Amino acid sequence: MGSVKDPEGAEEVALEALGALADFDGKRVVEIGCGDGRMTWLYAERASKVLAIDTESESIAAARKATPPELASTVRFRVASAEKLRVRPAGFDIAFLSWSL
């Protein structure tokens, strides 16, 4: 059994308290180090587009499998590193990192 991170939902509570979740409304987001998508699901329904990347192919496979059908056209998961990511910086409004540094 893998580790369970944030079973109390403290991350979502903290983001909501900061008003950070509202900042994702209609935005184009690149998420660096998305892992299995655990944090992605906290904001993805608010965003207009999400590119979520991680270097671990197993994590990306798990994230793709967990993608809710209603978010399939909004969220794209890709195996990649931030250093080698080839995207236009102007293509995103927000760069989001969690547990990545």
PDB file of N, CA and C in Angstrom:
ATOM      1  N   MET A   1       0.850  -1.185   0.000  1.00  0.00           N
ATOM      2  CA  MET A   1       0.000   0.000   0.000  1.00  0.00           C
ATOM      3  C   MET A   1       0.885   1.233   0.000  1.00  0.00           C
ATOM      4  N   GLY A   2       0.579   2.186  -0.870  1.00  0.00           N
ATOM      5  CA  GLY A   2       1.350   3.422  -0.945  1.00  0.00           C
ATOM      6  C   GLY A   2       1.032   4.351   0.211  1.00  0.00           C
ATOM      7  N   SER A   3       1.759   5.418   0.286  1.00  0.00           N
ATOM      8  CA  SER A   3       1.536   6.380   1.357  1.00  0.00           C
ATOM      9  C   SER A   3       0.274   7.200   1.073  1.00  0.00           C
ATOM     10  N   VAL A   4      -0.365   7.627   2.135  1.00  0.00           N
ATOM     11  CA  VAL A   4      -1.539   8.486   2.027  1.00  0.00           C
ATOM     12  C   VAL A   4      -1.115   9.876   2.463  1.00  0.00           C
ATOM     13  N   LYS A   5      -1.206  10.812   1.537  1.00  0.00           N
ATOM     14  CA  LYS A   5      -0.799  12.172   1.838  1.00  0.00           C
ATOM     15  C   LYS A   5      -2.030  13.017   2.097  1.00  0.00           C
ATOM     16  N   ASP A   6      -1.982  13.788   3.136  1.00  0.00           N
ATOM     17  CA  ASP A   6      -3.028  14.744   3.470  1.00  0.00           C
ATOM     18  C   ASP A   6      -4.414  14.108   3.635  1.00  0.00           C
ATOM     19  N   PRO A   7      -4.529  13.090   4.489  1.00  0.00           N
ATOM     20  CA  PRO A   7      -5.839  12.443   4.668  1.00  0.00           C
ATOM     21  C   PRO A   7      -6.897  13.369   5.267  1.00  0.00           C
ATOM     22  N   GLU A   8      -6.486  14.430   5.963  1.00  0.00           N
ATOM     23  CA  GLU A   8      -7.447  15.359   6.560  1.00  0.00           C
ATOM     24  C   GLU A   8      -7.890  16.454   5.588  1.00  0.00           C
ATOM     25  N   GLY A   9      -7.270  16.520   4.407  1.00  0.00           N
ATOM     26  CA  GLY A   9      -7.642  17.546   3.441  1.00  0.00           C
ATOM     27  C   GLY A   9      -7.124  18.928   3.779  1.00  0.00           C
ATOM     28  N   ALA A  10      -6.037  19.002   4.542  1.00  0.00           N
ATOM     29  CA  ALA A  10      -5.494  20.293   4.973  1.00  0.00           C
ATOM     30  C   ALA A  10      -5.004  21.147   3.801  1.00  0.00           C
ATOM     31  N   GLU A  11      -4.510  20.508   2.745  1.00  0.00           N
ATOM     32  CA  GLU A  11      -4.014  21.283   1.604  1.00  0.00           C
ATOM     33  C   GLU A  11      -5.150  22.062   0.936  1.00  0.00           C
ATOM     34  N   GLU A  12      -6.269  21.416   0.737  1.00  0.00           N
ATOM     35  CA  GLU A  12      -7.407  22.099   0.118  1.00  0.00           C
ATOM     36  C   GLU A  12      -7.931  23.208   1.021  1.00  0.00           C
ATOM     37  N   VAL A  13      -7.983  22.943   2.319  1.00  0.00           N
ATOM     38  CA  VAL A  13      -8.435  23.960   3.280  1.00  0.00           C
ATOM     39  C   VAL A  13      -7.500  25.173   3.231  1.00  0.00           C
ATOM     40  N   ALA A  14      -6.185  24.919   3.186  1.00  0.00           N
ATOM     41  CA  ALA A  14      -5.215  26.016   3.148  1.00  0.00           C
ATOM     42  C   ALA A  14      -5.344  26.828   1.863  1.00  0.00           C
ATOM     43  N   LEU A  15      -5.489  26.150   0.726  1.00  0.00           N
ATOM     44  CA  LEU A  15      -5.645  26.864  -0.543  1.00  0.00           C
ATOM     45  C   LEU A  15      -6.921  27.699  -0.549  1.00  0.00           C
ATOM     46  N   GLU A  16      -7.990  27.130  -0.014  1.00  0.00           N
ATOM     47  CA  GLU A  16      -9.259  27.863   0.042  1.00  0.00           C
ATOM     48  C   GLU A  16      -9.146  29.073   0.967  1.00  0.00           C
ATOM     49  N   ALA A  17      -8.492  28.893   2.118  1.00  0.00           N
ATOM     50  CA  ALA A  17      -8.339  29.992   3.079  1.00  0.00           C
ATOM     51  C   ALA A  17      -7.531  31.143   2.488  1.00  0.00           C
ATOM     52  N   LEU A  18      -6.573  30.826   1.646  1.00  0.00           N
ATOM     53  CA  LEU A  18      -5.757  31.859   1.003  1.00  0.00           C
ATOM     54  C   LEU A  18      -6.472  32.488  -0.199  1.00  0.00           C
ATOM     55  N   GLY A  19      -7.577  31.923  -0.554  1.00  0.00           N
ATOM     56  CA  GLY A  19      -8.274  32.401  -1.750  1.00  0.00           C
ATOM     57  C   GLY A  19      -7.596  31.922  -3.017  1.00  0.00           C
ATOM     58  N   ALA A  20      -6.642  31.013  -2.870  1.00  0.00           N
ATOM     59  CA  ALA A  20      -5.853  30.564  -4.016  1.00  0.00           C
ATOM     60  C   ALA A  20      -6.673  29.763  -5.009  1.00  0.00           C
ATOM     61  N   LEU A  21      -7.653  29.012  -4.550  1.00  0.00           N
ATOM     62  CA  LEU A  21      -8.444  28.219  -5.488  1.00  0.00           C
ATOM     63  C   LEU A  21      -9.203  29.107  -6.462  1.00  0.00           C
ATOM     64  N   ALA A  22      -9.678  30.229  -6.005  1.00  0.00           N
ATOM     65  CA  ALA A  22     -10.391  31.156  -6.886  1.00  0.00           C
ATOM     66  C   ALA A  22      -9.472  31.703  -7.969  1.00  0.00           C
ATOM     67  N   ASP A  23      -8.182  31.769  -7.690  1.00  0.00           N
ATOM     68  CA  ASP A  23      -7.224  32.273  -8.671  1.00  0.00           C
ATOM     69  C   ASP A  23      -7.135  31.388  -9.912  1.00  0.00           C
ATOM     70  N   PHE A  24      -7.618  30.154  -9.825  1.00  0.00           N
ATOM     71  CA  PHE A  24      -7.552  29.220 -10.949  1.00  0.00           C
ATOM     72  C   PHE A  24      -8.736  29.379 -11.908  1.00  0.00           C
ATOM     73  N   ASP A  25      -9.730  30.163 -11.543  1.00  0.00           N
ATOM     74  CA  ASP A  25     -10.944  30.307 -12.357  1.00  0.00           C
ATOM     75  C   ASP A  25     -10.616  30.747 -13.783  1.00  0.00           C
ATOM     76  N   GLY A  26     -10.909  29.882 -14.745  1.00  0.00           N
ATOM     77  CA  GLY A  26     -10.720  30.199 -16.157  1.00  0.00           C
ATOM     78  C   GLY A  26      -9.280  30.296 -16.616  1.00  0.00           C
ATOM     79  N   LYS A  27      -8.334  29.910 -15.788  1.00  0.00           N
ATOM     80  CA  LYS A  27      -6.913  30.065 -16.118  1.00  0.00           C
ATOM     81  C   LYS A  27      -6.346  28.834 -16.818  1.00  0.00           C
ATOM     82  N   ARG A  28      -5.257  29.074 -17.552  1.00  0.00           N
ATOM     83  CA  ARG A  28      -4.468  28.010 -18.183  1.00  0.00           C
ATOM     84  C   ARG A  28      -3.325  27.709 -17.225  1.00  0.00           C
ATOM     85  N   VAL A  29      -3.231  26.461 -16.778  1.00  0.00           N
ATOM     86  CA  VAL A  29      -2.306  26.094 -15.709  1.00  0.00           C
ATOM     87  C   VAL A  29      -1.314  25.040 -16.186  1.00  0.00           C
ATOM     88  N   VAL A  30      -0.057  25.232 -15.812  1.00  0.00           N
ATOM     89  CA  VAL A  30       0.926  24.163 -15.948  1.00  0.00           C
ATOM     90  C   VAL A  30       1.298  23.761 -14.521  1.00  0.00           C
ATOM     91  N   GLU A  31       1.151  22.465 -14.230  1.00  0.00           N
ATOM     92  CA  GLU A  31       1.476  21.955 -12.902  1.00  0.00           C
ATOM     93  C   GLU A  31       2.741  21.111 -12.998  1.00  0.00           C
ATOM     94  N   ILE A  32       3.750  21.508 -12.239  1.00  0.00           N
ATOM     95  CA  ILE A  32       5.041  20.838 -12.242  1.00  0.00           C
ATOM     96  C   ILE A  32       5.079  19.854 -11.071  1.00  0.00           C
ATOM     97  N   GLY A  33       5.365  18.595 -11.367  1.00  0.00           N
ATOM     98  CA  GLY A  33       5.436  17.588 -10.312  1.00  0.00           C
ATOM     99  C   GLY A  33       4.059  17.184  -9.823  1.00  0.00           C
ATOM    100  N   CYS A  34       3.181  16.830 -10.749  1.00  0.00           N
ATOM    101  CA  CYS A  34       1.787  16.538 -10.398  1.00  0.00           C
ATOM    102  C   CYS A  34       1.594  15.197  -9.715  1.00  0.00           C
ATOM    103  N   GLY A  35       2.589  14.319  -9.807  1.00  0.00           N
ATOM    104  CA  GLY A  35       2.429  12.998  -9.201  1.00  0.00           C
ATOM    105  C   GLY A  35       1.214  12.290  -9.765  1.00  0.00           C
ATOM    106  N   ASP A  36       0.391  11.759  -8.875  1.00  0.00           N
ATOM    107  CA  ASP A  36      -0.794  11.000  -9.304  1.00  0.00           C
ATOM    108  C   ASP A  36      -2.018  11.886  -9.520  1.00  0.00           C
ATOM    109  N   GLY A  37      -1.843  13.201  -9.488  1.00  0.00           N
ATOM    110  CA  GLY A  37      -2.934  14.127  -9.733  1.00  0.00           C
ATOM    111  C   GLY A  37      -3.692  14.550  -8.486  1.00  0.00           C
ATOM    112  N   ARG A  38      -3.211  14.161  -7.341  1.00  0.00           N
ATOM    113  CA  ARG A  38      -3.903  14.457  -6.075  1.00  0.00           C
ATOM    114  C   ARG A  38      -4.209  15.943  -5.921  1.00  0.00           C
ATOM    115  N   MET A  39      -3.251  16.794  -6.169  1.00  0.00           N
ATOM    116  CA  MET A  39      -3.482  18.240  -6.063  1.00  0.00           C
ATOM    117  C   MET A  39      -4.202  18.779  -7.303  1.00  0.00           C
ATOM    118  N   THR A  40      -3.986  18.162  -8.430  1.00  0.00           N
ATOM    119  CA  THR A  40      -4.625  18.597  -9.674  1.00  0.00           C
ATOM    120  C   THR A  40      -6.137  18.653  -9.516  1.00  0.00           C
ATOM    121  N   TRP A  41      -6.689  17.649  -8.841  1.00  0.00           N
ATOM    122  CA  TRP A  41      -8.150  17.566  -8.710  1.00  0.00           C
ATOM    123  C   TRP A  41      -8.712  18.641  -7.786  1.00  0.00           C
ATOM    124  N   LEU A  42      -7.860  19.316  -7.025  1.00  0.00           N
ATOM    125  CA  LEU A  42      -8.346  20.388  -6.155  1.00  0.00           C
ATOM    126  C   LEU A  42      -8.736  21.642  -6.936  1.00  0.00           C
ATOM    127  N   TYR A  43      -8.109  21.860  -8.087  1.00  0.00           N
ATOM    128  CA  TYR A  43      -8.352  23.099  -8.829  1.00  0.00           C
ATOM    129  C   TYR A  43      -8.783  22.890 -10.278  1.00  0.00           C
ATOM    130  N   ALA A  44      -8.618  21.703 -10.827  1.00  0.00           N
ATOM    131  CA  ALA A  44      -8.789  21.482 -12.271  1.00  0.00           C
ATOM    132  C   ALA A  44     -10.166  21.860 -12.799  1.00  0.00           C
ATOM    133  N   GLU A  45     -11.218  21.651 -12.027  1.00  0.00           N
ATOM    134  CA  GLU A  45     -12.549  21.979 -12.540  1.00  0.00           C
ATOM    135  C   GLU A  45     -12.751  23.486 -12.683  1.00  0.00           C
ATOM    136  N   ARG A  46     -11.908  24.268 -12.039  1.00  0.00           N
ATOM    137  CA  ARG A  46     -11.996  25.730 -12.141  1.00  0.00           C
ATOM    138  C   ARG A  46     -11.200  26.260 -13.332  1.00  0.00           C
ATOM    139  N   ALA A  47     -10.165  25.542 -13.724  1.00  0.00           N
ATOM    140  CA  ALA A  47      -9.255  25.998 -14.785  1.00  0.00           C
ATOM    141  C   ALA A  47      -9.864  25.774 -16.166  1.00  0.00           C
ATOM    142  N   SER A  48      -9.351  26.526 -17.135  1.00  0.00           N
ATOM    143  CA  SER A  48      -9.810  26.311 -18.511  1.00  0.00           C
ATOM    144  C   SER A  48      -8.975  25.239 -19.199  1.00  0.00           C
ATOM    145  N   LYS A  49      -7.697  25.096 -18.779  1.00  0.00           N
ATOM    146  CA  LYS A  49      -6.793  24.125 -19.379  1.00  0.00           C
ATOM    147  C   LYS A  49      -5.704  23.808 -18.369  1.00  0.00           C
ATOM    148  N   VAL A  50      -5.334  22.530 -18.252  1.00  0.00           N
ATOM    149  CA  VAL A  50      -4.265  22.117 -17.343  1.00  0.00           C
ATOM    150  C   VAL A  50      -3.315  21.189 -18.085  1.00  0.00           C
ATOM    151  N   LEU A  51      -2.028  21.503 -18.020  1.00  0.00           N
ATOM    152  CA  LEU A  51      -0.981  20.586 -18.438  1.00  0.00           C
ATOM    153  C   LEU A  51      -0.250  20.215 -17.162  1.00  0.00           C
ATOM    154  N   ALA A  52      -0.365  18.957 -16.766  1.00  0.00           N
ATOM    155  CA  ALA A  52       0.249  18.485 -15.529  1.00  0.00           C
ATOM    156  C   ALA A  52       1.370  17.521 -15.889  1.00  0.00           C
ATOM    157  N   ILE A  53       2.577  17.806 -15.377  1.00  0.00           N
ATOM    158  CA  ILE A  53       3.735  16.976 -15.742  1.00  0.00           C
ATOM    159  C   ILE A  53       4.393  16.383 -14.501  1.00  0.00           C
ATOM    160  N   ASP A  54       5.051  15.261 -14.723  1.00  0.00           N
ATOM    161  CA  ASP A  54       5.838  14.617 -13.692  1.00  0.00           C
ATOM    162  C   ASP A  54       6.872  13.748 -14.396  1.00  0.00           C
ATOM    163  N   THR A  55       7.985  13.510 -13.747  1.00  0.00           N
ATOM    164  CA  THR A  55       9.031  12.686 -14.349  1.00  0.00           C
ATOM    165  C   THR A  55       8.773  11.195 -14.177  1.00  0.00           C
ATOM    166  N   GLU A  56       7.864  10.837 -13.297  1.00  0.00           N
ATOM    167  CA  GLU A  56       7.574   9.424 -13.010  1.00  0.00           C
ATOM    168  C   GLU A  56       6.424   8.913 -13.881  1.00  0.00           C
ATOM    169  N   SER A  57       6.724   8.007 -14.789  1.00  0.00           N
ATOM    170  CA  SER A  57       5.684   7.498 -15.684  1.00  0.00           C
ATOM    171  C   SER A  57       4.589   6.744 -14.935  1.00  0.00           C
ATOM    172  N   GLU A  58       4.942   6.077 -13.821  1.00  0.00           N
ATOM    173  CA  GLU A  58       3.920   5.364 -13.038  1.00  0.00           C
ATOM    174  C   GLU A  58       2.913   6.344 -12.438  1.00  0.00           C
ATOM    175  N   SER A  59       3.404   7.483 -11.973  1.00  0.00           N
ATOM    176  CA  SER A  59       2.521   8.503 -11.411  1.00  0.00           C
ATOM    177  C   SER A  59       1.601   9.080 -12.476  1.00  0.00           C
ATOM    178  N   ILE A  60       2.137   9.337 -13.647  1.00  0.00           N
ATOM    179  CA  ILE A  60       1.330   9.872 -14.740  1.00  0.00           C
ATOM    180  C   ILE A  60       0.275   8.856 -15.159  1.00  0.00           C
ATOM    181  N   ALA A  61       0.634   7.581 -15.207  1.00  0.00           N
ATOM    182  CA  ALA A  61      -0.343   6.539 -15.544  1.00  0.00           C
ATOM    183  C   ALA A  61      -1.477   6.513 -14.523  1.00  0.00           C
ATOM    184  N   ALA A  62      -1.141   6.636 -13.246  1.00  0.00           N
ATOM    185  CA  ALA A  62      -2.164   6.656 -12.189  1.00  0.00           C
ATOM    186  C   ALA A  62      -3.053   7.885 -12.319  1.00  0.00           C
ATOM    187  N   ALA A  63      -2.451   9.029 -12.632  1.00  0.00           N
ATOM    188  CA  ALA A  63      -3.224  10.266 -12.791  1.00  0.00           C
ATOM    189  C   ALA A  63      -4.180  10.159 -13.971  1.00  0.00           C
ATOM    190  N   ARG A  64      -3.703   9.637 -15.067  1.00  0.00           N
ATOM    191  CA  ARG A  64      -4.569   9.474 -16.242  1.00  0.00           C
ATOM    192  C   ARG A  64      -5.750   8.549 -15.920  1.00  0.00           C
ATOM    193  N   LYS A  65      -5.458   7.477 -15.214  1.00  0.00           N
ATOM    194  CA  LYS A  65      -6.500   6.514 -14.847  1.00  0.00           C
ATOM    195  C   LYS A  65      -7.543   7.148 -13.920  1.00  0.00           C
ATOM    196  N   ALA A  66      -7.106   8.066 -13.058  1.00  0.00           N
ATOM    197  CA  ALA A  66      -8.001   8.698 -12.081  1.00  0.00           C
ATOM    198  C   ALA A  66      -8.734   9.920 -12.632  1.00  0.00           C
ATOM    199  N   THR A  67      -8.465  10.290 -13.875  1.00  0.00           N
ATOM    200  CA  THR A  67      -9.080  11.494 -14.437  1.00  0.00           C
ATOM    201  C   THR A  67     -10.594  11.325 -14.553  1.00  0.00           C
ATOM    202  N   PRO A  68     -11.340  12.197 -13.885  1.00  0.00           N
ATOM    203  CA  PRO A  68     -12.799  12.146 -14.026  1.00  0.00           C
ATOM    204  C   PRO A  68     -13.194  12.447 -15.478  1.00  0.00           C
ATOM    205  N   PRO A  69     -14.194  11.756 -16.000  1.00  0.00           N
ATOM    206  CA  PRO A  69     -14.592  11.963 -17.403  1.00  0.00           C
ATOM    207  C   PRO A  69     -14.877  13.420 -17.742  1.00  0.00           C
ATOM    208  N   GLU A  70     -15.451  14.162 -16.803  1.00  0.00           N
ATOM    209  CA  GLU A  70     -15.805  15.557 -17.088  1.00  0.00           C
ATOM    210  C   GLU A  70     -14.575  16.467 -17.199  1.00  0.00           C
ATOM    211  N   LEU A  71     -13.404  15.970 -16.788  1.00  0.00           N
ATOM    212  CA  LEU A  71     -12.179  16.768 -16.889  1.00  0.00           C
ATOM    213  C   LEU A  71     -11.237  16.274 -17.987  1.00  0.00           C
ATOM    214  N   ALA A  72     -11.648  15.243 -18.702  1.00  0.00           N
ATOM    215  CA  ALA A  72     -10.774  14.645 -19.719  1.00  0.00           C
ATOM    216  C   ALA A  72     -10.379  15.628 -20.811  1.00  0.00           C
ATOM    217  N   SER A  73     -11.227  16.581 -21.129  1.00  0.00           N
ATOM    218  CA  SER A  73     -10.886  17.552 -22.175  1.00  0.00           C
ATOM    219  C   SER A  73     -10.141  18.766 -21.623  1.00  0.00           C
ATOM    220  N   THR A  74     -10.090  18.895 -20.304  1.00  0.00           N
ATOM    221  CA  THR A  74      -9.434  20.043 -19.661  1.00  0.00           C
ATOM    222  C   THR A  74      -8.017  19.722 -19.222  1.00  0.00           C
ATOM    223  N   VAL A  75      -7.807  18.523 -18.690  1.00  0.00           N
ATOM    224  CA  VAL A  75      -6.526  18.144 -18.078  1.00  0.00           C
ATOM    225  C   VAL A  75      -5.763  17.183 -18.972  1.00  0.00           C
ATOM    226  N   ARG A  76      -4.496  17.515 -19.201  1.00  0.00           N
ATOM    227  CA  ARG A  76      -3.596  16.642 -19.962  1.00  0.00           C
ATOM    228  C   ARG A  76      -2.388  16.322 -19.090  1.00  0.00           C
ATOM    229  N   PHE A  77      -2.087  15.047 -18.916  1.00  0.00           N
ATOM    230  CA  PHE A  77      -0.931  14.610 -18.144  1.00  0.00           C
ATOM    231  C   PHE A  77       0.174  14.180 -19.096  1.00  0.00           C
ATOM    232  N   ARG A  78       1.412  14.533 -18.730  1.00  0.00           N
ATOM    233  CA  ARG A  78       2.554  14.213 -19.593  1.00  0.00           C
ATOM    234  C   ARG A  78       3.770  13.877 -18.750  1.00  0.00           C
ATOM    235  N   VAL A  79       4.502  12.858 -19.172  1.00  0.00           N
ATOM    236  CA  VAL A  79       5.778  12.540 -18.530  1.00  0.00           C
ATOM    237  C   VAL A  79       6.792  13.538 -19.071  1.00  0.00           C
ATOM    238  N   ALA A  80       7.307  14.377 -18.191  1.00  0.00           N
ATOM    239  CA  ALA A  80       8.269  15.407 -18.590  1.00  0.00           C
ATOM    240  C   ALA A  80       8.892  16.026 -17.349  1.00  0.00           C
ATOM    241  N   SER A  81      10.022  16.668 -17.551  1.00  0.00           N
ATOM    242  CA  SER A  81      10.656  17.438 -16.475  1.00  0.00           C
ATOM    243  C   SER A  81      10.511  18.921 -16.805  1.00  0.00           C
ATOM    244  N   ALA A  82      10.490  19.732 -15.785  1.00  0.00           N
ATOM    245  CA  ALA A  82      10.349  21.177 -15.986  1.00  0.00           C
ATOM    246  C   ALA A  82      11.507  21.732 -16.800  1.00  0.00           C
ATOM    247  N   GLU A  83      12.693  21.179 -16.584  1.00  0.00           N
ATOM    248  CA  GLU A  83      13.884  21.684 -17.286  1.00  0.00           C
ATOM    249  C   GLU A  83      13.814  21.447 -18.787  1.00  0.00           C
ATOM    250  N   LYS A  84      13.156  20.379 -19.201  1.00  0.00           N
ATOM    251  CA  LYS A  84      13.119  20.026 -20.620  1.00  0.00           C
ATOM    252  C   LYS A  84      11.755  20.250 -21.257  1.00  0.00           C
ATOM    253  N   LEU A  85      10.843  20.856 -20.535  1.00  0.00           N
ATOM    254  CA  LEU A  85       9.501  21.077 -21.047  1.00  0.00           C
ATOM    255  C   LEU A  85       9.534  22.107 -22.173  1.00  0.00           C
ATOM    256  N   ARG A  86       8.951  21.765 -23.288  1.00  0.00           N
ATOM    257  CA  ARG A  86       8.913  22.653 -24.453  1.00  0.00           C
ATOM    258  C   ARG A  86       7.500  23.205 -24.611  1.00  0.00           C
ATOM    259  N   VAL A  87       7.252  24.332 -23.975  1.00  0.00           N
ATOM    260  CA  VAL A  87       5.958  25.016 -24.106  1.00  0.00           C
ATOM    261  C   VAL A  87       6.233  26.511 -24.179  1.00  0.00           C
ATOM    262  N   ARG A  88       5.282  27.231 -24.746  1.00  0.00           N
ATOM    263  CA  ARG A  88       5.393  28.685 -24.775  1.00  0.00           C
ATOM    264  C   ARG A  88       5.027  29.222 -23.402  1.00  0.00           C
ATOM    265  N   PRO A  89       5.907  29.969 -22.724  1.00  0.00           N
ATOM    266  CA  PRO A  89       5.582  30.523 -21.411  1.00  0.00           C
ATOM    267  C   PRO A  89       4.299  31.345 -21.424  1.00  0.00           C
ATOM    268  N   ALA A  90       4.034  32.021 -22.520  1.00  0.00           N
ATOM    269  CA  ALA A  90       2.821  32.831 -22.607  1.00  0.00           C
ATOM    270  C   ALA A  90       1.572  31.962 -22.756  1.00  0.00           C
ATOM    271  N   GLY A  91       1.756  30.660 -22.894  1.00  0.00           N
ATOM    272  CA  GLY A  91       0.629  29.751 -23.046  1.00  0.00           C
ATOM    273  C   GLY A  91      -0.072  29.422 -21.740  1.00  0.00           C
ATOM    274  N   PHE A  92       0.462  29.902 -20.615  1.00  0.00           N
ATOM    275  CA  PHE A  92      -0.097  29.593 -19.305  1.00  0.00           C
ATOM    276  C   PHE A  92      -0.211  30.848 -18.459  1.00  0.00           C
ATOM    277  N   ASP A  93      -1.241  30.864 -17.632  1.00  0.00           N
ATOM    278  CA  ASP A  93      -1.447  31.972 -16.703  1.00  0.00           C
ATOM    279  C   ASP A  93      -0.824  31.686 -15.345  1.00  0.00           C
ATOM    280  N   ILE A  94      -0.784  30.405 -14.975  1.00  0.00           N
ATOM    281  CA  ILE A  94      -0.297  29.991 -13.653  1.00  0.00           C
ATOM    282  C   ILE A  94       0.627  28.798 -13.796  1.00  0.00           C
ATOM    283  N   ALA A  95       1.740  28.831 -13.084  1.00  0.00           N
ATOM    284  CA  ALA A  95       2.593  27.652 -12.911  1.00  0.00           C
ATOM    285  C   ALA A  95       2.423  27.225 -11.456  1.00  0.00           C
ATOM    286  N   PHE A  96       2.011  25.984 -11.256  1.00  0.00           N
ATOM    287  CA  PHE A  96       1.686  25.467  -9.929  1.00  0.00           C
ATOM    288  C   PHE A  96       2.636  24.342  -9.579  1.00  0.00           C
ATOM    289  N   LEU A  97       3.226  24.416  -8.382  1.00  0.00           N
ATOM    290  CA  LEU A  97       4.137  23.376  -7.904  1.00  0.00           C
ATOM    291  C   LEU A  97       3.708  22.961  -6.501  1.00  0.00           C
ATOM    292  N   SER A  98       3.731  21.671  -6.251  1.00  0.00           N
ATOM    293  CA  SER A  98       3.458  21.167  -4.914  1.00  0.00           C
ATOM    294  C   SER A  98       4.343  19.950  -4.700  1.00  0.00           C
ATOM    295  N   TRP A  99       5.085  19.947  -3.643  1.00  0.00           N
ATOM    296  CA  TRP A  99       5.998  18.836  -3.317  1.00  0.00           C
ATOM    297  C   TRP A  99       7.044  18.634  -4.414  1.00  0.00           C
ATOM    298  N   SER A 100       7.401  19.676  -5.137  1.00  0.00           N
ATOM    299  CA  SER A 100       8.288  19.533  -6.280  1.00  0.00           C
ATOM    300  C   SER A 100       9.677  20.107  -6.077  1.00  0.00           C
ATOM    301  N   LEU A 101       9.894  20.847  -5.027  1.00  0.00           N
ATOM    302  CA  LEU A 101      11.205  21.466  -4.838  1.00  0.00           C
ATOM    303  C   LEU A 101      12.019  20.734  -3.804  1.00  0.00           C
TER     304      LEU A 101
END
